[in-house]
């Protein structure tokens, strides 16, 4: 494998073993001897077998730690860029450690990948939902690497797209992503980003003609409340009125989820337990209305606080799902 001209004549299993062992060899030799491995690495990175390239894709972030900033930028970034355009079986290796690799790059170089994140939504097989779920997981981590402006301009559209995914597992992770995004933007110096994001959540989900979209809005609100992504007075001002409006939704599943959210999450917060305010009164009036609902499940969850029932346990049963 040290002779690129003969590499393709080597037993295919040897190439895979070399790809697997290369980070360990690089660590042993040290970055000062990287020149001894560089040609071999580039040969393996362009190997005809996708399993060889996949192995390298899964370990490129580890190699970047070993080599340091300068060698990573010069020698690994081109290989990384090639993996981004490879088969899904190879791209998943890059995606699973996207945050680990990007955090090692210079901020200016890191920003260049903002334009490519959207491409992860496109896969060879649209049924490969785990790819999109992994993307949502990585985006949560990437929130710490980018500015509020970059988060709003580049990560927000992807997150909202994932919240409307056909697969419930992808949507569920994406609700967490959006709630963390709200938290990050709320703490930004410019308040317009989080306000604009909340307005878009209202317009895109709360007012969605499809019931699954309106249900997604309740899930997102529940996650924001549960994870303390917003101070309760801000939540009450910007999102609560629209959340309570769904008490008259024509679809029982939406009203059931709303009843659970109000009873099991919102009313657990000190803001609604200790303070007497107009928002508390509106919540109580909504719960009374839900207690008189025509649907028995809505009545049940609005009337009592079941100790053994948590909203997360019911996420998959109440959400519309392809799988």
C-alpha atoms as a PDB file:
ATOM      1  CA  UNK A   1       0.000   0.000   0.000  1.00  0.00           C
ATOM      2  CA  UNK A   2       2.975   2.345   0.333  1.00  0.00           C
ATOM      3  CA  UNK A   3       3.397   2.234  -3.461  1.00  0.00           C
ATOM      4  CA  UNK A   4       0.334   3.911  -5.068  1.00  0.00           C
ATOM      5  CA  UNK A   5       1.166   2.439  -8.479  1.00  0.00           C
ATOM      6  CA  UNK A   6       0.708  -1.078  -7.101  1.00  0.00           C
ATOM      7  CA  UNK A   7      -2.114  -0.358  -4.686  1.00  0.00           C
ATOM      8  CA  UNK A   8      -4.898  -1.589  -6.948  1.00  0.00           C
ATOM      9  CA  UNK A   9      -3.225  -4.978  -7.346  1.00  0.00           C
ATOM     10  CA  UNK A  10      -3.210  -5.620  -3.603  1.00  0.00           C
ATOM     11  CA  UNK A  11      -5.720  -7.980  -2.001  1.00  0.00           C
ATOM     12  CA  UNK A  12      -8.947  -6.037  -1.397  1.00  0.00           C
ATOM     13  CA  UNK A  13      -9.053  -7.076   2.251  1.00  0.00           C
ATOM     14  CA  UNK A  14      -5.610  -5.603   2.839  1.00  0.00           C
ATOM     15  CA  UNK A  15      -6.828  -2.202   1.625  1.00  0.00           C
ATOM     16  CA  UNK A  16      -9.666  -2.268   4.165  1.00  0.00           C
ATOM     17  CA  UNK A  17      -7.306  -3.270   6.972  1.00  0.00           C
ATOM     18  CA  UNK A  18      -4.900  -0.497   5.994  1.00  0.00           C
ATOM     19  CA  UNK A  19      -7.703   2.069   6.036  1.00  0.00           C
ATOM     20  CA  UNK A  20      -8.793   0.883   9.470  1.00  0.00           C
ATOM     21  CA  UNK A  21      -5.285   0.954  10.929  1.00  0.00           C
ATOM     22  CA  UNK A  22      -4.046   4.182   9.363  1.00  0.00           C
ATOM     23  CA  UNK A  23      -5.023   6.597  12.198  1.00  0.00           C
ATOM     24  CA  UNK A  24      -3.174   4.374  14.678  1.00  0.00           C
ATOM     25  CA  UNK A  25      -0.090   4.327  12.485  1.00  0.00           C
ATOM     26  CA  UNK A  26      -0.286   8.107  12.087  1.00  0.00           C
ATOM     27  CA  UNK A  27      -0.489   8.509  15.859  1.00  0.00           C
ATOM     28  CA  UNK A  28       2.553   6.285  16.337  1.00  0.00           C
ATOM     29  CA  UNK A  29       4.637   8.099  13.716  1.00  0.00           C
ATOM     30  CA  UNK A  30       3.506  11.567  14.770  1.00  0.00           C
ATOM     31  CA  UNK A  31       2.546  14.517  12.599  1.00  0.00           C
ATOM     32  CA  UNK A  32       6.203  15.208  11.775  1.00  0.00           C
ATOM     33  CA  UNK A  33       6.242  11.958   9.762  1.00  0.00           C
ATOM     34  CA  UNK A  34       2.872  12.445   8.048  1.00  0.00           C
ATOM     35  CA  UNK A  35       4.677  12.798   4.707  1.00  0.00           C
ATOM     36  CA  UNK A  36       5.417   9.059   4.927  1.00  0.00           C
ATOM     37  CA  UNK A  37       1.688   8.248   4.960  1.00  0.00           C
ATOM     38  CA  UNK A  38       0.179  11.036   2.887  1.00  0.00           C
ATOM     39  CA  UNK A  39       0.367   9.306  -0.508  1.00  0.00           C
ATOM     40  CA  UNK A  40      -0.985   6.060   0.923  1.00  0.00           C
ATOM     41  CA  UNK A  41      -3.869   7.910   2.567  1.00  0.00           C
ATOM     42  CA  UNK A  42      -4.794   9.690  -0.656  1.00  0.00           C
ATOM     43  CA  UNK A  43      -4.631   6.398  -2.539  1.00  0.00           C
ATOM     44  CA  UNK A  44      -6.964   4.744  -0.051  1.00  0.00           C
ATOM     45  CA  UNK A  45      -9.297   7.761  -0.149  1.00  0.00           C
ATOM     46  CA  UNK A  46      -9.777   7.222  -3.878  1.00  0.00           C
ATOM     47  CA  UNK A  47      -9.991   3.423  -3.688  1.00  0.00           C
ATOM     48  CA  UNK A  48     -12.597   1.812  -5.931  1.00  0.00           C
ATOM     49  CA  UNK A  49     -14.119  -0.040  -2.970  1.00  0.00           C
ATOM     50  CA  UNK A  50     -16.620   2.123  -1.142  1.00  0.00           C
ATOM     51  CA  UNK A  51     -16.003   0.156   2.072  1.00  0.00           C
ATOM     52  CA  UNK A  52     -12.410   1.380   2.112  1.00  0.00           C
ATOM     53  CA  UNK A  53     -13.493   4.986   1.622  1.00  0.00           C
ATOM     54  CA  UNK A  54     -16.224   4.526   4.240  1.00  0.00           C
ATOM     55  CA  UNK A  55     -13.663   3.372   6.812  1.00  0.00           C
ATOM     56  CA  UNK A  56     -11.585   6.497   6.202  1.00  0.00           C
ATOM     57  CA  UNK A  57     -14.671   8.711   6.370  1.00  0.00           C
ATOM     58  CA  UNK A  58     -15.506   7.386   9.834  1.00  0.00           C
ATOM     59  CA  UNK A  59     -12.003   8.146  11.128  1.00  0.00           C
ATOM     60  CA  UNK A  60     -11.035  11.389   9.367  1.00  0.00           C
ATOM     61  CA  UNK A  61     -11.896  13.449  12.464  1.00  0.00           C
ATOM     62  CA  UNK A  62      -9.486  11.348  14.544  1.00  0.00           C
ATOM     63  CA  UNK A  63      -6.736  11.854  11.993  1.00  0.00           C
ATOM     64  CA  UNK A  64      -7.390  15.605  12.063  1.00  0.00           C
ATOM     65  CA  UNK A  65      -6.713  15.666  15.811  1.00  0.00           C
ATOM     66  CA  UNK A  66      -3.423  13.858  15.258  1.00  0.00           C
ATOM     67  CA  UNK A  67      -2.248  16.071  12.387  1.00  0.00           C
ATOM     68  CA  UNK A  68      -3.248  19.472  13.732  1.00  0.00           C
ATOM     69  CA  UNK A  69      -4.731  22.546  12.037  1.00  0.00           C
ATOM     70  CA  UNK A  70      -2.204  23.182   9.293  1.00  0.00           C
ATOM     71  CA  UNK A  71      -1.923  19.647   7.914  1.00  0.00           C
ATOM     72  CA  UNK A  72      -5.673  19.128   8.268  1.00  0.00           C
ATOM     73  CA  UNK A  73      -6.424  22.223   6.192  1.00  0.00           C
ATOM     74  CA  UNK A  74      -3.914  21.294   3.524  1.00  0.00           C
ATOM     75  CA  UNK A  75      -4.238  17.511   3.270  1.00  0.00           C
ATOM     76  CA  UNK A  76      -7.481  16.345   4.908  1.00  0.00           C
ATOM     77  CA  UNK A  77      -9.960  19.030   3.868  1.00  0.00           C
ATOM     78  CA  UNK A  78      -9.743  18.055   0.150  1.00  0.00           C
ATOM     79  CA  UNK A  79     -10.359  14.406   1.080  1.00  0.00           C
ATOM     80  CA  UNK A  80     -13.213  15.438   3.383  1.00  0.00           C
ATOM     81  CA  UNK A  81     -14.778  17.432   0.539  1.00  0.00           C
ATOM     82  CA  UNK A  82     -14.567  14.390  -1.702  1.00  0.00           C
ATOM     83  CA  UNK A  83     -16.331  12.224   0.870  1.00  0.00           C
ATOM     84  CA  UNK A  84     -19.155  14.780   1.059  1.00  0.00           C
ATOM     85  CA  UNK A  85     -19.973  14.026  -2.586  1.00  0.00           C
ATOM     86  CA  UNK A  86     -19.547  10.252  -2.309  1.00  0.00           C
ATOM     87  CA  UNK A  87     -22.107   7.468  -1.868  1.00  0.00           C
ATOM     88  CA  UNK A  88     -24.418   7.647   1.145  1.00  0.00           C
ATOM     89  CA  UNK A  89     -22.531   4.715   2.669  1.00  0.00           C
ATOM     90  CA  UNK A  90     -19.431   6.929   2.721  1.00  0.00           C
ATOM     91  CA  UNK A  91     -21.155  10.237   3.495  1.00  0.00           C
ATOM     92  CA  UNK A  92     -22.687   8.819   6.685  1.00  0.00           C
ATOM     93  CA  UNK A  93     -19.172   8.402   8.098  1.00  0.00           C
ATOM     94  CA  UNK A  94     -18.487  12.091   7.558  1.00  0.00           C
ATOM     95  CA  UNK A  95     -21.922  13.089   8.845  1.00  0.00           C
ATOM     96  CA  UNK A  96     -21.676  11.121  12.099  1.00  0.00           C
ATOM     97  CA  UNK A  97     -18.564  13.085  13.058  1.00  0.00           C
ATOM     98  CA  UNK A  98     -19.333  16.350  11.277  1.00  0.00           C
ATOM     99  CA  UNK A  99     -19.125  18.430  14.446  1.00  0.00           C
ATOM    100  CA  UNK A 100     -15.928  16.674  15.554  1.00  0.00           C
ATOM    101  CA  UNK A 101     -14.214  17.574  12.274  1.00  0.00           C
ATOM    102  CA  UNK A 102     -15.557  21.095  11.734  1.00  0.00           C
ATOM    103  CA  UNK A 103     -14.661  22.237  15.246  1.00  0.00           C
ATOM    104  CA  UNK A 104     -10.994  21.614  14.383  1.00  0.00           C
ATOM    105  CA  UNK A 105     -11.054  23.988  11.407  1.00  0.00           C
ATOM    106  CA  UNK A 106     -10.352  27.701  11.355  1.00  0.00           C
ATOM    107  CA  UNK A 107     -13.650  29.653  11.696  1.00  0.00           C
ATOM    108  CA  UNK A 108     -13.370  31.065   8.162  1.00  0.00           C
ATOM    109  CA  UNK A 109     -12.860  27.597   6.679  1.00  0.00           C
ATOM    110  CA  UNK A 110     -15.672  26.243   8.872  1.00  0.00           C
ATOM    111  CA  UNK A 111     -18.122  28.812   7.502  1.00  0.00           C
ATOM    112  CA  UNK A 112     -17.585  27.486   3.984  1.00  0.00           C
ATOM    113  CA  UNK A 113     -19.449  24.314   4.956  1.00  0.00           C
ATOM    114  CA  UNK A 114     -22.597  26.234   5.857  1.00  0.00           C
ATOM    115  CA  UNK A 115     -23.439  26.298   2.166  1.00  0.00           C
ATOM    116  CA  UNK A 116     -23.132  22.511   1.902  1.00  0.00           C
ATOM    117  CA  UNK A 117     -25.189  21.416   4.910  1.00  0.00           C
ATOM    118  CA  UNK A 118     -28.385  21.580   2.852  1.00  0.00           C
ATOM    119  CA  UNK A 119     -26.992  18.850   0.600  1.00  0.00           C
ATOM    120  CA  UNK A 120     -27.271  16.313   3.429  1.00  0.00           C
ATOM    121  CA  UNK A 121     -31.054  16.452   2.998  1.00  0.00           C
ATOM    122  CA  UNK A 122     -30.595  14.762  -0.388  1.00  0.00           C
ATOM    123  CA  UNK A 123     -29.765  11.057  -0.248  1.00  0.00           C
ATOM    124  CA  UNK A 124     -29.449   8.246  -2.776  1.00  0.00           C
ATOM    125  CA  UNK A 125     -32.439   6.565  -1.134  1.00  0.00           C
ATOM    126  CA  UNK A 126     -35.228   8.781   0.223  1.00  0.00           C
ATOM    127  CA  UNK A 127     -36.195   5.980   2.638  1.00  0.00           C
ATOM    128  CA  UNK A 128     -32.842   6.379   4.400  1.00  0.00           C
ATOM    129  CA  UNK A 129     -34.387   8.320   7.285  1.00  0.00           C
ATOM    130  CA  UNK A 130     -31.539   7.540   9.684  1.00  0.00           C
ATOM    131  CA  UNK A 131     -29.344   9.802   7.573  1.00  0.00           C
ATOM    132  CA  UNK A 132     -31.691  12.735   8.226  1.00  0.00           C
ATOM    133  CA  UNK A 133     -31.968  11.838  11.916  1.00  0.00           C
ATOM    134  CA  UNK A 134     -28.182  11.931  12.207  1.00  0.00           C
ATOM    135  CA  UNK A 135     -28.157  15.299  10.452  1.00  0.00           C
ATOM    136  CA  UNK A 136     -30.538  16.695  13.076  1.00  0.00           C
ATOM    137  CA  UNK A 137     -28.330  15.327  15.868  1.00  0.00           C
ATOM    138  CA  UNK A 138     -25.240  16.927  14.359  1.00  0.00           C
ATOM    139  CA  UNK A 139     -26.964  20.275  13.833  1.00  0.00           C
ATOM    140  CA  UNK A 140     -27.678  20.442  17.570  1.00  0.00           C
ATOM    141  CA  UNK A 141     -23.926  20.199  18.178  1.00  0.00           C
ATOM    142  CA  UNK A 142     -23.110  22.660  15.400  1.00  0.00           C
ATOM    143  CA  UNK A 143     -25.119  25.399  17.111  1.00  0.00           C
ATOM    144  CA  UNK A 144     -22.080  26.021  19.317  1.00  0.00           C
ATOM    145  CA  UNK A 145     -19.777  26.530  16.331  1.00  0.00           C
ATOM    146  CA  UNK A 146     -21.641  29.249  14.452  1.00  0.00           C
ATOM    147  CA  UNK A 147     -22.833  32.786  15.054  1.00  0.00           C
ATOM    148  CA  UNK A 148     -26.522  33.664  15.610  1.00  0.00           C
ATOM    149  CA  UNK A 149     -26.641  35.160  12.113  1.00  0.00           C
ATOM    150  CA  UNK A 150     -25.279  31.964  10.543  1.00  0.00           C
ATOM    151  CA  UNK A 151     -27.632  29.826  12.623  1.00  0.00           C
ATOM    152  CA  UNK A 152     -30.616  31.844  11.482  1.00  0.00           C
ATOM    153  CA  UNK A 153     -29.588  32.080   7.830  1.00  0.00           C
ATOM    154  CA  UNK A 154     -28.315  28.544   7.242  1.00  0.00           C
ATOM    155  CA  UNK A 155     -29.274  26.095  10.004  1.00  0.00           C
ATOM    156  CA  UNK A 156     -32.824  27.347  10.599  1.00  0.00           C
ATOM    157  CA  UNK A 157     -34.187  26.391   7.132  1.00  0.00           C
ATOM    158  CA  UNK A 158     -32.765  22.878   7.451  1.00  0.00           C
ATOM    159  CA  UNK A 159     -34.175  22.443  10.968  1.00  0.00           C
ATOM    160  CA  UNK A 160     -37.671  23.525   9.944  1.00  0.00           C
ATOM    161  CA  UNK A 161     -37.526  21.209   6.951  1.00  0.00           C
ATOM    162  CA  UNK A 162     -36.636  18.278   9.216  1.00  0.00           C
ATOM    163  CA  UNK A 163     -39.525  19.130  11.569  1.00  0.00           C
ATOM    164  CA  UNK A 164     -41.867  18.288   8.699  1.00  0.00           C
ATOM    165  CA  UNK A 165     -40.163  14.990   7.832  1.00  0.00           C
ATOM    166  CA  UNK A 166     -42.335  11.994   6.994  1.00  0.00           C
ATOM    167  CA  UNK A 167     -40.691   9.875   9.692  1.00  0.00           C
ATOM    168  CA  UNK A 168     -41.559  10.521  13.328  1.00  0.00           C
ATOM    169  CA  UNK A 169     -38.087   9.631  14.628  1.00  0.00           C
ATOM    170  CA  UNK A 170     -36.575  12.388  12.490  1.00  0.00           C
ATOM    171  CA  UNK A 171     -39.228  14.886  13.557  1.00  0.00           C
ATOM    172  CA  UNK A 172     -38.747  14.089  17.232  1.00  0.00           C
ATOM    173  CA  UNK A 173     -35.016  14.880  17.121  1.00  0.00           C
ATOM    174  CA  UNK A 174     -35.763  17.971  15.043  1.00  0.00           C
ATOM    175  CA  UNK A 175     -38.090  19.390  17.704  1.00  0.00           C
ATOM    176  CA  UNK A 176     -35.144  19.227  20.089  1.00  0.00           C
ATOM    177  CA  UNK A 177     -32.997  20.937  17.468  1.00  0.00           C
ATOM    178  CA  UNK A 178     -35.458  23.805  17.044  1.00  0.00           C
ATOM    179  CA  UNK A 179     -35.860  24.263  20.793  1.00  0.00           C
ATOM    180  CA  UNK A 180     -32.071  24.450  21.217  1.00  0.00           C
ATOM    181  CA  UNK A 181     -31.978  26.926  18.348  1.00  0.00           C
ATOM    182  CA  UNK A 182     -34.555  29.088  20.117  1.00  0.00           C
ATOM    183  CA  UNK A 183     -32.410  28.994  23.253  1.00  0.00           C
ATOM    184  CA  UNK A 184     -29.253  29.933  21.358  1.00  0.00           C
ATOM    185  CA  UNK A 185     -30.902  32.804  19.494  1.00  0.00           C
ATOM    186  CA  UNK A 186     -32.609  34.109  22.625  1.00  0.00           C
ATOM    187  CA  UNK A 187     -29.192  34.538  24.231  1.00  0.00           C
ATOM    188  CA  UNK A 188     -27.838  36.370  21.175  1.00  0.00           C
ATOM    189  CA  UNK A 189     -27.172  40.126  21.378  1.00  0.00           C
ATOM    190  CA  UNK A 190     -29.738  40.741  18.632  1.00  0.00           C
ATOM    191  CA  UNK A 191     -33.294  39.810  19.744  1.00  0.00           C
ATOM    192  CA  UNK A 192     -34.765  39.921  16.246  1.00  0.00           C
ATOM    193  CA  UNK A 193     -33.448  36.447  15.346  1.00  0.00           C
ATOM    194  CA  UNK A 194     -35.414  34.576  18.011  1.00  0.00           C
ATOM    195  CA  UNK A 195     -38.539  36.685  17.487  1.00  0.00           C
ATOM    196  CA  UNK A 196     -38.439  36.033  13.743  1.00  0.00           C
ATOM    197  CA  UNK A 197     -37.911  32.316  14.370  1.00  0.00           C
ATOM    198  CA  UNK A 198     -40.898  32.129  16.729  1.00  0.00           C
ATOM    199  CA  UNK A 199     -43.056  33.993  14.221  1.00  0.00           C
ATOM    200  CA  UNK A 200     -42.032  31.486  11.566  1.00  0.00           C
ATOM    201  CA  UNK A 201     -42.919  28.574  13.866  1.00  0.00           C
ATOM    202  CA  UNK A 202     -46.361  30.095  14.334  1.00  0.00           C
ATOM    203  CA  UNK A 203     -46.903  30.714  10.644  1.00  0.00           C
ATOM    204  CA  UNK A 204     -45.441  27.457   9.369  1.00  0.00           C
ATOM    205  CA  UNK A 205     -46.726  25.018  11.990  1.00  0.00           C
ATOM    206  CA  UNK A 206     -49.413  26.481  14.240  1.00  0.00           C
ATOM    207  CA  UNK A 207     -51.344  27.753  11.204  1.00  0.00           C
ATOM    208  CA  UNK A 208     -50.500  24.769   9.035  1.00  0.00           C
ATOM    209  CA  UNK A 209     -53.514  23.376   7.126  1.00  0.00           C
ATOM    210  CA  UNK A 210     -52.281  19.846   7.927  1.00  0.00           C
ATOM    211  CA  UNK A 211     -52.962  18.593  11.438  1.00  0.00           C
ATOM    212  CA  UNK A 212     -49.489  17.046  11.631  1.00  0.00           C
ATOM    213  CA  UNK A 213     -48.006  20.521  11.307  1.00  0.00           C
ATOM    214  CA  UNK A 214     -50.168  21.888  14.110  1.00  0.00           C
ATOM    215  CA  UNK A 215     -49.241  18.894  16.243  1.00  0.00           C
ATOM    216  CA  UNK A 216     -45.573  19.627  15.532  1.00  0.00           C
ATOM    217  CA  UNK A 217     -46.092  23.124  16.927  1.00  0.00           C
ATOM    218  CA  UNK A 218     -47.358  21.654  20.211  1.00  0.00           C
ATOM    219  CA  UNK A 219     -44.389  19.276  20.372  1.00  0.00           C
ATOM    220  CA  UNK A 220     -41.957  22.143  19.780  1.00  0.00           C
ATOM    221  CA  UNK A 221     -43.606  24.266  22.461  1.00  0.00           C
ATOM    222  CA  UNK A 222     -43.532  21.342  24.884  1.00  0.00           C
ATOM    223  CA  UNK A 223     -39.794  20.879  24.289  1.00  0.00           C
ATOM    224  CA  UNK A 224     -39.094  24.600  24.688  1.00  0.00           C
ATOM    225  CA  UNK A 225     -40.934  24.602  28.024  1.00  0.00           C
ATOM    226  CA  UNK A 226     -39.412  21.367  29.298  1.00  0.00           C
ATOM    227  CA  UNK A 227     -35.825  22.359  28.471  1.00  0.00           C
ATOM    228  CA  UNK A 228     -36.198  25.965  29.689  1.00  0.00           C
ATOM    229  CA  UNK A 229     -35.187  27.351  26.311  1.00  0.00           C
ATOM    230  CA  UNK A 230     -37.074  30.589  26.982  1.00  0.00           C
ATOM    231  CA  UNK A 231     -37.976  32.442  30.172  1.00  0.00           C
ATOM    232  CA  UNK A 232     -41.611  31.626  30.881  1.00  0.00           C
ATOM    233  CA  UNK A 233     -42.717  35.242  30.619  1.00  0.00           C
ATOM    234  CA  UNK A 234     -41.287  35.422  27.088  1.00  0.00           C
ATOM    235  CA  UNK A 235     -42.861  32.105  26.163  1.00  0.00           C
ATOM    236  CA  UNK A 236     -46.192  33.315  27.540  1.00  0.00           C
ATOM    237  CA  UNK A 237     -45.965  36.501  25.507  1.00  0.00           C
ATOM    238  CA  UNK A 238     -44.923  35.106  22.126  1.00  0.00           C
ATOM    239  CA  UNK A 239     -46.009  31.458  21.874  1.00  0.00           C
ATOM    240  CA  UNK A 240     -48.595  30.678  24.549  1.00  0.00           C
ATOM    241  CA  UNK A 241     -51.577  32.489  22.948  1.00  0.00           C
ATOM    242  CA  UNK A 242     -51.100  30.513  19.735  1.00  0.00           C
ATOM    243  CA  UNK A 243     -50.643  27.276  21.665  1.00  0.00           C
ATOM    244  CA  UNK A 244     -53.888  27.805  23.585  1.00  0.00           C
ATOM    245  CA  UNK A 245     -55.716  28.608  20.360  1.00  0.00           C
ATOM    246  CA  UNK A 246     -55.274  24.959  19.348  1.00  0.00           C
ATOM    247  CA  UNK A 247     -57.771  23.951  22.065  1.00  0.00           C
ATOM    248  CA  UNK A 248     -60.423  24.403  19.381  1.00  0.00           C
ATOM    249  CA  UNK A 249     -58.533  22.396  16.760  1.00  0.00           C
ATOM    250  CA  UNK A 250     -60.802  20.061  14.813  1.00  0.00           C
ATOM    251  CA  UNK A 251     -58.408  17.090  15.155  1.00  0.00           C
ATOM    252  CA  UNK A 252     -58.558  15.239  18.519  1.00  0.00           C
ATOM    253  CA  UNK A 253     -54.877  14.204  18.361  1.00  0.00           C
ATOM    254  CA  UNK A 254     -53.832  17.848  18.466  1.00  0.00           C
ATOM    255  CA  UNK A 255     -56.110  18.581  21.414  1.00  0.00           C
ATOM    256  CA  UNK A 256     -54.916  15.475  23.299  1.00  0.00           C
ATOM    257  CA  UNK A 257     -51.312  16.559  22.935  1.00  0.00           C
ATOM    258  CA  UNK A 258     -52.215  20.085  23.999  1.00  0.00           C
ATOM    259  CA  UNK A 259     -53.936  18.777  27.132  1.00  0.00           C
ATOM    260  CA  UNK A 260     -50.860  16.700  28.006  1.00  0.00           C
ATOM    261  CA  UNK A 261     -48.540  19.645  27.422  1.00  0.00           C
ATOM    262  CA  UNK A 262     -50.541  22.003  29.603  1.00  0.00           C
ATOM    263  CA  UNK A 263     -51.062  19.511  32.429  1.00  0.00           C
ATOM    264  CA  UNK A 264     -47.754  17.679  32.488  1.00  0.00           C
ATOM    265  CA  UNK A 265     -45.290  20.366  31.421  1.00  0.00           C
ATOM    266  CA  UNK A 266     -46.544  23.943  31.490  1.00  0.00           C
ATOM    267  CA  UNK A 267     -48.270  23.821  34.863  1.00  0.00           C
ATOM    268  CA  UNK A 268     -45.134  22.333  36.425  1.00  0.00           C
ATOM    269  CA  UNK A 269     -43.315  25.625  35.887  1.00  0.00           C
ATOM    270  CA  UNK A 270     -43.011  28.039  38.795  1.00  0.00           C
ATOM    271  CA  UNK A 271     -44.227  30.927  36.649  1.00  0.00           C
ATOM    272  CA  UNK A 272     -47.654  29.291  36.428  1.00  0.00           C
ATOM    273  CA  UNK A 273     -47.647  27.874  39.962  1.00  0.00           C
ATOM    274  CA  UNK A 274     -46.589  30.890  41.992  1.00  0.00           C
ATOM    275  CA  UNK A 275     -47.516  33.962  39.978  1.00  0.00           C
ATOM    276  CA  UNK A 276     -51.039  35.216  39.471  1.00  0.00           C
ATOM    277  CA  UNK A 277     -51.179  36.708  35.995  1.00  0.00           C
ATOM    278  CA  UNK A 278     -53.382  36.958  32.942  1.00  0.00           C
ATOM    279  CA  UNK A 279     -51.497  34.127  31.251  1.00  0.00           C
ATOM    280  CA  UNK A 280     -52.283  31.771  34.122  1.00  0.00           C
ATOM    281  CA  UNK A 281     -55.959  32.619  33.846  1.00  0.00           C
ATOM    282  CA  UNK A 282     -55.918  31.923  30.108  1.00  0.00           C
ATOM    283  CA  UNK A 283     -54.318  28.524  30.697  1.00  0.00           C
ATOM    284  CA  UNK A 284     -56.901  27.614  33.341  1.00  0.00           C
ATOM    285  CA  UNK A 285     -59.752  28.630  31.047  1.00  0.00           C
ATOM    286  CA  UNK A 286     -58.299  26.507  28.261  1.00  0.00           C
ATOM    287  CA  UNK A 287     -57.998  23.482  30.543  1.00  0.00           C
ATOM    288  CA  UNK A 288     -61.613  23.898  31.635  1.00  0.00           C
ATOM    289  CA  UNK A 289     -62.640  23.952  27.976  1.00  0.00           C
ATOM    290  CA  UNK A 290     -60.600  20.808  27.277  1.00  0.00           C
ATOM    291  CA  UNK A 291     -62.206  19.077  30.266  1.00  0.00           C
ATOM    292  CA  UNK A 292     -65.555  19.503  28.525  1.00  0.00           C
ATOM    293  CA  UNK A 293     -64.252  18.284  25.163  1.00  0.00           C
ATOM    294  CA  UNK A 294     -66.280  15.797  23.143  1.00  0.00           C
ATOM    295  CA  UNK A 295     -63.308  13.435  22.911  1.00  0.00           C
ATOM    296  CA  UNK A 296     -62.811  11.178  25.936  1.00  0.00           C
ATOM    297  CA  UNK A 297     -59.017  11.137  25.645  1.00  0.00           C
ATOM    298  CA  UNK A 298     -58.882  14.922  25.618  1.00  0.00           C
ATOM    299  CA  UNK A 299     -61.119  15.028  28.698  1.00  0.00           C
ATOM    300  CA  UNK A 300     -58.962  12.471  30.473  1.00  0.00           C
ATOM    301  CA  UNK A 301     -55.650  14.251  30.003  1.00  0.00           C
ATOM    302  CA  UNK A 302     -57.155  17.645  30.736  1.00  0.00           C
ATOM    303  CA  UNK A 303     -58.842  16.480  33.941  1.00  0.00           C
ATOM    304  CA  UNK A 304     -56.074  14.584  35.719  1.00  0.00           C
ATOM    305  CA  UNK A 305     -52.315  14.477  35.902  1.00  0.00           C
ATOM    306  CA  UNK A 306     -51.405  10.801  35.395  1.00  0.00           C
ATOM    307  CA  UNK A 307     -48.164  10.059  37.234  1.00  0.00           C
ATOM    308  CA  UNK A 308     -47.267   7.199  34.935  1.00  0.00           C
ATOM    309  CA  UNK A 309     -47.831   9.012  31.658  1.00  0.00           C
ATOM    310  CA  UNK A 310     -45.255  11.297  30.145  1.00  0.00           C
ATOM    311  CA  UNK A 311     -45.469  13.099  26.859  1.00  0.00           C
ATOM    312  CA  UNK A 312     -42.253  11.588  25.545  1.00  0.00           C
ATOM    313  CA  UNK A 313     -43.627   8.083  26.048  1.00  0.00           C
ATOM    314  CA  UNK A 314     -46.579   8.910  23.847  1.00  0.00           C
ATOM    315  CA  UNK A 315     -44.688  10.761  21.157  1.00  0.00           C
ATOM    316  CA  UNK A 316     -44.667   7.983  18.632  1.00  0.00           C
ATOM    317  CA  UNK A 317     -48.235   6.849  19.291  1.00  0.00           C
ATOM    318  CA  UNK A 318     -49.762  10.285  18.829  1.00  0.00           C
ATOM    319  CA  UNK A 319     -47.548  11.518  16.010  1.00  0.00           C
ATOM    320  CA  UNK A 320     -48.369  10.750  12.413  1.00  0.00           C
ATOM    321  CA  UNK A 321     -45.643   8.466  11.164  1.00  0.00           C
ATOM    322  CA  UNK A 322     -44.524   6.604   8.078  1.00  0.00           C
ATOM    323  CA  UNK A 323     -42.591   4.039  10.131  1.00  0.00           C
END
